[in-house]
Amino acid sequence: MKIFQKDEFNILWKIYLGYFIKSILFLVPAFALIYFINLGFSLTQIGFLFAAEQIAMILFEIPTGAIADKFGRKFSVLIGLLLETLILFTLFFFTSYYALLILFFVLGIVYTLSSGSEESWIYDLIKKKNKKIIYSYYSKEQIFKTTGLVLGGILGAIFVANFGLRGIWIISGISSLLYLLILSSLEEIYTLKKEYKTPIKDIWVKSTNSLRYSFKHPVLFWIFLSGFFMIISAVFSESLAYVPYLKSLGFPEYAFGYFFSGISLVLAFSPLCTKLFKGKKKEISFLIWATFIGSVIIFLTYFAREYLLAIIIILVATFFYGIKYPIERPFMQKFIPTKNRATILSIQSMIYSLAGAIALPFGGFLIDKLGPLNVILISALLGIPSILAYLLIKIDKKEREK
């Protein structure tokens, strides 16, 4: 069985290495929530803290995406990674709630520099070099990122046990710096040979045109709306409710690194099974099916009375959500014009950031008032509007043949 398709390794090995290195050392996702709980913040406060990052991304996603389309995706990504490194290092020194709010807002701005630009840079590189490996790339992307996260959760648990939670910011900053160094030698295909006489006006025009295109498009709009509800669902469960829910069942605090590794392992493995489960289903039918199954399974947490059974349910549901990615991303990319790719992907990120900005403080408040299990059940029900959005997608014959 061939692991890589023809030319895939030669074209993408630096990208895959970068994904793995950054993921294995990026400890923030596994331990940030526990870190802030230990600082004495309520889940409502933590929700607002994380929402500050999302609000910044809403405000800056489209302008930074348009800048990347006009001045270069590589430049935007590398500057973003450099600033990300500096902010993560800075977070090590602050524990004041309001100082953290400011730093997370700034971090959100920084993330917008690479959120749409990085995927656009890599997608255009693959399309130029060998477009046959696009589907393979989206599967491998998940594999290398999540395999790194699997090992990162284990190493993170060992690190936290020996050095404490505060060091996660330094190690995560180092991961961003190493990722920057690896990507710095990667080729950029996309160029735009124009005089930049009125960049602000051009950026505004590109942003508004891309926004109009996205919201009028019969495929992109509904994919973005479906994703909007799934982001809220993921924030309610994965970002907020799983940790206090498992703690309420007696799950040890130190073991959350291993739990995070388990989630990451499932996300690494699930894309490899996509073709097996997809069969002859069309893309939209498959996305509806996978969303439905994942939502039904996560609802079974209602019956769990021990953390081992709860973890098994969560992992199985995560598997069905994970198999969607290698289908949805390239399917969506077919409907995006190359010249506006970074801007439109930034619009998507902006929409998802809006979902996060709404869900984080609201979800934290709901957990404080209703308890984590009830919020997990609400997250399962959000699969319904996501499926309805998929059902409203319409593809004409010309676009289907692309």
Protein backbone atom coordinates (compact mmCIF):
# COMPACT_ATOMS: atom_id res chain seq x y z
CA MET A 1 0.00 0.00 0.00
CA LYS A 2 1.47 3.34 -1.07
CA ILE A 3 1.56 5.95 1.68
CA PHE A 4 2.25 8.87 -0.66
CA GLN A 5 1.05 9.42 -4.21
CA LYS A 6 3.43 10.26 -7.03
CA ASP A 7 5.34 13.53 -6.34
CA GLU A 8 3.42 14.07 -3.11
CA PHE A 9 6.36 13.63 -0.74
CA ASN A 10 8.71 15.77 -2.85
CA ILE A 11 6.20 18.61 -3.01
CA LEU A 12 4.78 18.50 0.50
CA TRP A 13 7.35 16.99 2.88
CA LYS A 14 8.22 20.34 4.46
CA ILE A 15 4.55 21.07 5.06
CA TYR A 16 3.93 17.67 6.62
CA LEU A 17 7.03 18.02 8.81
CA GLY A 18 5.89 21.47 9.90
CA TYR A 19 2.42 20.20 10.82
CA PHE A 20 3.92 17.41 12.91
CA ILE A 21 6.51 19.55 14.72
CA LYS A 22 4.07 22.31 15.57
CA SER A 23 1.37 19.90 16.74
CA ILE A 24 3.62 17.85 18.99
CA LEU A 25 4.76 20.94 20.92
CA PHE A 26 1.57 23.03 20.86
CA LEU A 27 0.22 22.33 24.35
CA VAL A 28 -2.36 25.12 24.58
CA PRO A 29 -5.41 23.13 23.30
CA ALA A 30 -4.91 20.33 25.81
CA PHE A 31 -4.25 22.40 28.92
CA ALA A 32 -5.42 26.01 28.51
CA LEU A 33 -8.89 25.41 29.98
CA ILE A 34 -7.48 23.61 33.03
CA TYR A 35 -4.82 26.33 33.40
CA PHE A 36 -7.44 29.09 33.58
CA ILE A 37 -9.71 27.09 35.90
CA ASN A 38 -6.75 26.73 38.26
CA LEU A 39 -6.24 30.49 38.14
CA GLY A 40 -9.69 30.76 39.70
CA PHE A 41 -11.68 31.94 36.67
CA SER A 42 -15.28 30.79 36.20
CA LEU A 43 -16.26 29.10 32.93
CA THR A 44 -18.20 32.22 32.01
CA GLN A 45 -15.03 34.31 32.45
CA ILE A 46 -13.01 31.78 30.48
CA GLY A 47 -15.63 31.88 27.74
CA PHE A 48 -15.27 35.65 27.45
CA LEU A 49 -11.48 35.28 27.46
CA PHE A 50 -11.52 32.88 24.52
CA ALA A 51 -14.23 34.96 22.83
CA ALA A 52 -11.89 38.00 22.80
CA GLU A 53 -9.69 36.07 20.37
CA GLN A 54 -12.66 35.21 18.18
CA ILE A 55 -13.96 38.80 18.14
CA ALA A 56 -10.56 40.02 16.95
CA MET A 57 -10.64 37.43 14.17
CA ILE A 58 -14.09 38.63 13.09
CA LEU A 59 -12.87 42.21 12.83
CA PHE A 60 -9.61 41.46 11.01
CA GLU A 61 -10.20 38.28 8.95
CA ILE A 62 -11.34 39.88 5.69
CA PRO A 63 -8.78 42.73 5.57
CA THR A 64 -5.86 40.41 6.30
CA GLY A 65 -7.13 37.85 3.78
CA ALA A 66 -7.34 40.56 1.12
CA ILE A 67 -3.82 41.71 2.03
CA ALA A 68 -2.57 38.17 1.51
CA ASP A 69 -4.27 37.96 -1.90
CA LYS A 70 -2.66 41.24 -2.92
CA PHE A 71 0.81 41.12 -1.35
CA GLY A 72 1.50 37.41 -1.00
CA ARG A 73 0.28 34.51 1.14
CA LYS A 74 3.77 33.43 2.25
CA PHE A 75 4.63 36.86 3.65
CA SER A 76 1.34 37.00 5.55
CA VAL A 77 1.76 33.52 7.05
CA LEU A 78 5.36 34.03 8.18
CA ILE A 79 4.64 37.40 9.79
CA GLY A 80 1.66 35.84 11.53
CA LEU A 81 3.76 32.98 12.92
CA LEU A 82 6.45 35.36 14.17
CA LEU A 83 3.91 37.50 16.03
CA GLU A 84 2.15 34.38 17.33
CA THR A 85 5.45 33.21 18.82
CA LEU A 86 5.97 36.52 20.61
CA ILE A 87 2.42 36.61 22.03
CA LEU A 88 2.62 33.04 23.34
CA PHE A 89 5.90 33.83 25.09
CA THR A 90 4.29 36.95 26.59
CA LEU A 91 1.35 34.98 28.00
CA PHE A 92 3.78 33.17 30.29
CA PHE A 93 4.31 36.37 32.31
CA PHE A 94 0.67 37.45 32.90
CA THR A 95 -2.09 36.05 35.11
CA SER A 96 -4.28 39.16 35.43
CA TYR A 97 -7.66 38.55 33.82
CA TYR A 98 -7.80 41.89 32.00
CA ALA A 99 -4.22 41.61 30.78
CA LEU A 100 -5.07 38.16 29.41
CA LEU A 101 -8.15 39.57 27.68
CA ILE A 102 -5.96 42.07 25.83
CA LEU A 103 -3.36 39.47 24.91
CA PHE A 104 -5.99 37.06 23.58
CA PHE A 105 -7.53 39.83 21.51
CA VAL A 106 -4.12 40.61 19.99
CA LEU A 107 -3.52 36.89 19.42
CA GLY A 108 -6.79 36.74 17.49
CA ILE A 109 -5.57 39.53 15.20
CA VAL A 110 -2.33 37.66 14.64
CA TYR A 111 -4.12 34.42 13.74
CA THR A 112 -5.97 36.17 10.90
CA LEU A 113 -2.69 36.72 9.08
CA SER A 114 -2.42 33.00 8.35
CA SER A 115 -5.94 31.59 8.79
CA GLY A 116 -6.98 31.79 5.13
CA SER A 117 -3.56 32.54 3.67
CA GLU A 118 -1.86 29.29 4.66
CA GLU A 119 -4.43 27.00 3.06
CA SER A 120 -4.54 29.21 -0.06
CA TRP A 121 -0.74 29.16 -0.35
CA ILE A 122 -0.59 25.37 -0.09
CA TYR A 123 -3.66 24.68 -2.23
CA ASP A 124 -2.36 26.79 -5.12
CA LEU A 125 1.07 25.15 -4.81
CA ILE A 126 -0.48 21.68 -5.10
CA LYS A 127 -2.78 22.74 -7.93
CA LYS A 128 0.21 24.01 -9.92
CA LYS A 129 2.57 21.12 -9.17
CA ASN A 130 0.20 18.15 -9.24
CA LYS A 131 -3.51 18.67 -8.66
CA LYS A 132 -4.07 14.90 -8.45
CA ILE A 133 -2.68 14.87 -4.90
CA ILE A 134 -5.16 17.43 -3.50
CA TYR A 135 -7.43 14.84 -1.86
CA SER A 136 -4.42 12.97 -0.52
CA TYR A 137 -3.09 16.20 0.97
CA TYR A 138 -6.27 16.92 2.91
CA SER A 139 -6.17 13.41 4.38
CA LYS A 140 -2.46 13.63 5.22
CA GLU A 141 -2.88 17.10 6.71
CA GLN A 142 -5.16 15.67 9.36
CA ILE A 143 -2.90 12.67 9.88
CA PHE A 144 0.29 14.65 10.49
CA LYS A 145 -1.38 17.32 12.60
CA THR A 146 -3.31 14.93 14.78
CA THR A 147 -0.48 12.39 15.09
CA GLY A 148 1.62 15.23 16.45
CA LEU A 149 -1.20 16.13 18.83
CA VAL A 150 -1.39 12.51 20.03
CA LEU A 151 2.26 12.55 21.04
CA GLY A 152 1.91 16.14 22.20
CA GLY A 153 -0.83 15.20 24.66
CA ILE A 154 1.36 12.46 26.15
CA LEU A 155 4.48 14.64 26.29
CA GLY A 156 2.36 17.50 27.60
CA ALA A 157 1.03 15.35 30.44
CA ILE A 158 4.60 14.44 31.39
CA PHE A 159 5.76 18.05 31.08
CA VAL A 160 2.90 19.45 33.16
CA ALA A 161 3.38 16.79 35.83
CA ASN A 162 7.03 17.80 36.23
CA PHE A 163 7.06 21.53 35.48
CA GLY A 164 3.48 22.77 35.99
CA LEU A 165 0.87 24.23 33.68
CA ARG A 166 2.39 27.68 33.19
CA GLY A 167 5.17 26.40 30.93
CA ILE A 168 2.66 25.45 28.21
CA TRP A 169 2.96 28.99 26.80
CA ILE A 170 6.73 28.78 26.30
CA ILE A 171 6.64 25.33 24.70
CA SER A 172 3.76 26.37 22.43
CA GLY A 173 5.67 29.51 21.41
CA ILE A 174 8.66 27.37 20.47
CA SER A 175 6.39 25.22 18.30
CA SER A 176 5.23 28.28 16.33
CA LEU A 177 8.82 29.45 15.87
CA LEU A 178 9.95 26.06 14.53
CA TYR A 179 6.96 25.97 12.17
CA LEU A 180 7.95 29.40 10.85
CA LEU A 181 11.52 28.24 10.17
CA ILE A 182 10.33 25.14 8.30
CA LEU A 183 7.85 27.02 6.09
CA SER A 184 10.24 29.88 5.32
CA SER A 185 11.92 27.89 2.53
CA LEU A 186 8.66 26.70 0.96
CA GLU A 187 7.91 27.95 -2.55
CA GLU A 188 5.02 30.31 -3.26
CA ILE A 189 3.28 29.84 -6.60
CA TYR A 190 0.74 32.64 -6.38
CA THR A 191 1.92 36.05 -7.59
CA LEU A 192 0.08 39.16 -8.62
CA LYS A 193 2.12 41.51 -10.78
CA LYS A 194 0.42 44.85 -10.33
CA GLU A 195 1.31 48.29 -9.13
CA TYR A 196 0.06 48.91 -5.61
CA LYS A 197 -0.98 52.52 -6.09
CA THR A 198 -4.17 52.38 -4.01
CA PRO A 199 -3.83 49.32 -1.78
CA ILE A 200 -6.43 50.35 0.80
CA LYS A 201 -9.09 50.94 -1.85
CA ASP A 202 -8.16 47.71 -3.66
CA ILE A 203 -8.33 45.73 -0.43
CA TRP A 204 -11.78 47.14 0.35
CA VAL A 205 -13.06 46.33 -3.15
CA LYS A 206 -11.63 42.79 -3.03
CA SER A 207 -13.13 42.23 0.41
CA THR A 208 -16.64 43.42 -0.50
CA ASN A 209 -16.64 41.51 -3.81
CA SER A 210 -15.55 38.30 -2.09
CA LEU A 211 -18.12 38.76 0.66
CA ARG A 212 -20.88 39.29 -1.90
CA TYR A 213 -19.72 36.27 -3.91
CA SER A 214 -19.69 34.02 -0.81
CA PHE A 215 -23.15 34.97 0.42
CA LYS A 216 -24.80 34.67 -3.00
CA HIS A 217 -23.13 31.41 -3.95
CA PRO A 218 -25.55 28.43 -3.80
CA VAL A 219 -22.88 26.11 -2.36
CA LEU A 220 -20.48 28.23 -0.30
CA PHE A 221 -23.19 30.04 1.66
CA TRP A 222 -24.79 26.82 2.91
CA ILE A 223 -21.46 25.15 3.67
CA PHE A 224 -20.47 28.19 5.73
CA LEU A 225 -23.83 28.16 7.53
CA SER A 226 -23.55 24.45 8.27
CA GLY A 227 -20.07 25.02 9.63
CA PHE A 228 -21.37 27.90 11.76
CA PHE A 229 -23.63 25.56 13.72
CA MET A 230 -20.98 22.85 13.94
CA ILE A 231 -18.49 25.33 15.40
CA ILE A 232 -21.00 26.25 18.10
CA SER A 233 -21.52 22.54 18.76
CA ALA A 234 -17.76 21.91 18.99
CA VAL A 235 -17.22 24.90 21.29
CA PHE A 236 -19.99 23.79 23.64
CA SER A 237 -18.64 20.25 23.90
CA GLU A 238 -14.94 20.02 23.02
CA SER A 239 -13.76 23.48 24.04
CA LEU A 240 -15.78 23.83 27.25
CA ALA A 241 -17.98 21.00 28.50
CA TYR A 242 -15.85 17.85 28.14
CA VAL A 243 -13.32 18.85 30.82
CA PRO A 244 -15.77 19.66 33.65
CA TYR A 245 -18.03 16.78 32.57
CA LEU A 246 -15.25 14.19 32.82
CA LYS A 247 -13.98 15.73 36.06
CA SER A 248 -17.48 15.33 37.50
CA LEU A 249 -17.24 11.61 36.70
CA GLY A 250 -13.94 11.34 38.58
CA PHE A 251 -11.48 11.64 35.68
CA PRO A 252 -8.05 12.68 37.10
CA GLU A 253 -6.86 16.16 36.18
CA TYR A 254 -3.35 15.06 35.15
CA ALA A 255 -4.85 12.60 32.64
CA PHE A 256 -6.40 15.22 30.37
CA GLY A 257 -3.23 15.18 28.29
CA TYR A 258 -3.91 11.52 27.54
CA PHE A 259 -7.57 12.28 26.79
CA PHE A 260 -6.47 14.96 24.34
CA SER A 261 -4.09 12.42 22.77
CA GLY A 262 -6.98 10.02 22.34
CA ILE A 263 -9.08 12.66 20.58
CA SER A 264 -6.12 13.50 18.35
CA LEU A 265 -5.46 9.85 17.54
CA VAL A 266 -9.04 9.40 16.37
CA LEU A 267 -8.78 12.54 14.21
CA ALA A 268 -5.54 11.20 12.73
CA PHE A 269 -7.06 7.82 11.93
CA SER A 270 -10.53 8.87 10.75
CA PRO A 271 -9.49 10.49 7.40
CA LEU A 272 -7.95 7.18 6.34
CA CYS A 273 -11.41 5.60 6.63
CA THR A 274 -13.25 8.26 4.66
CA LYS A 275 -13.29 6.34 1.36
CA LEU A 276 -14.40 3.18 3.14
CA PHE A 277 -17.44 4.89 4.67
CA LYS A 278 -18.19 7.16 1.73
CA GLY A 279 -18.61 4.39 -0.82
CA LYS A 280 -20.68 5.67 -3.73
CA LYS A 281 -22.33 8.45 -1.75
CA LYS A 282 -22.10 11.94 -3.22
CA GLU A 283 -20.25 14.54 -1.18
CA ILE A 284 -23.31 16.23 0.31
CA SER A 285 -25.04 12.95 1.12
CA PHE A 286 -21.92 11.74 2.89
CA LEU A 287 -21.57 14.97 4.91
CA ILE A 288 -25.20 14.72 6.04
CA TRP A 289 -24.79 11.06 6.99
CA ALA A 290 -21.58 11.62 8.97
CA THR A 291 -23.01 14.64 10.83
CA PHE A 292 -26.16 12.72 11.76
CA ILE A 293 -24.29 9.67 13.08
CA GLY A 294 -21.82 11.79 15.07
CA SER A 295 -24.63 13.82 16.66
CA VAL A 296 -26.65 10.74 17.62
CA ILE A 297 -23.63 9.10 19.23
CA ILE A 298 -22.63 12.13 21.30
CA PHE A 299 -26.18 12.24 22.67
CA LEU A 300 -25.46 8.86 24.31
CA THR A 301 -23.32 10.62 26.94
CA TYR A 302 -26.64 11.11 28.76
CA PHE A 303 -26.51 7.42 29.75
CA ALA A 304 -22.84 7.33 30.82
CA ARG A 305 -22.20 6.96 34.54
CA GLU A 306 -18.46 6.24 34.41
CA TYR A 307 -15.78 8.28 32.69
CA LEU A 308 -14.44 5.31 30.70
CA LEU A 309 -17.78 4.81 28.91
CA ALA A 310 -18.14 8.57 28.42
CA ILE A 311 -14.69 8.75 26.81
CA ILE A 312 -15.52 5.87 24.44
CA ILE A 313 -18.72 7.66 23.35
CA ILE A 314 -16.85 10.92 22.79
CA LEU A 315 -14.12 9.20 20.75
CA VAL A 316 -16.60 7.36 18.50
CA ALA A 317 -18.54 10.57 17.84
CA THR A 318 -15.27 12.38 17.08
CA PHE A 319 -14.45 9.70 14.52
CA PHE A 320 -17.61 10.43 12.49
CA TYR A 321 -17.02 14.16 12.65
CA GLY A 322 -13.40 13.61 11.58
CA ILE A 323 -14.18 11.65 8.41
CA LYS A 324 -15.98 14.70 6.99
CA TYR A 325 -12.87 16.87 6.58
CA PRO A 326 -11.17 15.23 3.52
CA ILE A 327 -14.49 15.44 1.65
CA GLU A 328 -15.79 18.86 2.65
CA ARG A 329 -12.62 20.93 2.17
CA PRO A 330 -11.72 19.97 -1.44
CA PHE A 331 -15.43 19.95 -2.36
CA MET A 332 -15.73 23.53 -1.12
CA GLN A 333 -12.49 24.63 -2.80
CA LYS A 334 -13.89 23.74 -6.25
CA PHE A 335 -16.27 26.70 -6.02
CA ILE A 336 -13.72 29.34 -4.99
CA PRO A 337 -11.94 31.49 -7.65
CA THR A 338 -8.15 31.37 -7.31
CA LYS A 339 -7.71 35.16 -7.26
CA ASN A 340 -10.03 35.49 -4.26
CA ARG A 341 -9.19 32.24 -2.48
CA ALA A 342 -7.46 33.68 0.61
CA THR A 343 -10.12 36.36 1.03
CA ILE A 344 -13.03 33.90 0.79
CA LEU A 345 -11.35 31.46 3.16
CA SER A 346 -10.87 34.38 5.52
CA ILE A 347 -14.58 35.12 5.24
CA GLN A 348 -15.24 31.52 6.23
CA SER A 349 -12.87 31.90 9.19
CA MET A 350 -14.64 35.14 10.13
CA ILE A 351 -18.02 33.38 10.14
CA TYR A 352 -16.63 30.56 12.27
CA SER A 353 -14.99 33.09 14.60
CA LEU A 354 -18.39 34.73 15.01
CA ALA A 355 -19.80 31.35 15.98
CA GLY A 356 -17.01 30.92 18.51
CA ALA A 357 -17.43 34.43 19.88
CA ILE A 358 -21.12 33.72 20.50
CA ALA A 359 -20.67 30.17 21.78
CA LEU A 360 -17.74 30.63 24.18
CA PRO A 361 -19.23 33.02 26.74
CA PHE A 362 -22.75 31.65 26.26
CA GLY A 363 -21.55 28.06 26.60
CA GLY A 364 -19.55 28.92 29.71
CA PHE A 365 -22.61 30.58 31.21
CA LEU A 366 -24.79 27.55 30.37
CA ILE A 367 -22.29 25.19 32.00
CA ASP A 368 -22.22 27.31 35.15
CA LYS A 369 -26.05 27.29 35.25
CA LEU A 370 -27.11 23.94 33.73
CA GLY A 371 -24.05 21.74 34.14
CA PRO A 372 -21.67 20.32 31.50
CA LEU A 373 -23.74 17.26 30.56
CA ASN A 374 -26.75 19.32 29.52
CA VAL A 375 -24.52 21.53 27.38
CA ILE A 376 -23.07 18.44 25.66
CA LEU A 377 -26.63 17.33 24.83
CA ILE A 378 -27.37 20.77 23.40
CA SER A 379 -24.24 20.47 21.26
CA ALA A 380 -25.57 17.20 19.82
CA LEU A 381 -28.85 18.84 18.86
CA LEU A 382 -26.97 21.49 16.86
CA GLY A 383 -26.30 18.81 14.27
CA ILE A 384 -29.90 19.34 13.10
CA PRO A 385 -29.51 22.89 11.66
CA SER A 386 -26.14 21.86 10.22
CA ILE A 387 -27.78 19.03 8.28
CA LEU A 388 -30.61 21.31 7.12
CA ALA A 389 -28.02 23.71 5.65
CA TYR A 390 -26.41 20.84 3.71
CA LEU A 391 -29.82 19.88 2.34
CA LEU A 392 -30.28 23.38 0.87
CA ILE A 393 -27.12 23.20 -1.27
CA LYS A 394 -27.80 23.38 -5.01
CA ILE A 395 -25.17 22.58 -7.63
CA ASP A 396 -25.74 23.30 -11.32
CA LYS A 397 -24.36 21.02 -14.01
CA LYS A 398 -21.42 23.26 -14.98
CA GLU A 399 -20.11 23.49 -11.42
CA ARG A 400 -20.63 19.76 -10.85
CA GLU A 401 -18.35 19.00 -13.79
CA LYS A 402 -15.43 21.11 -12.49
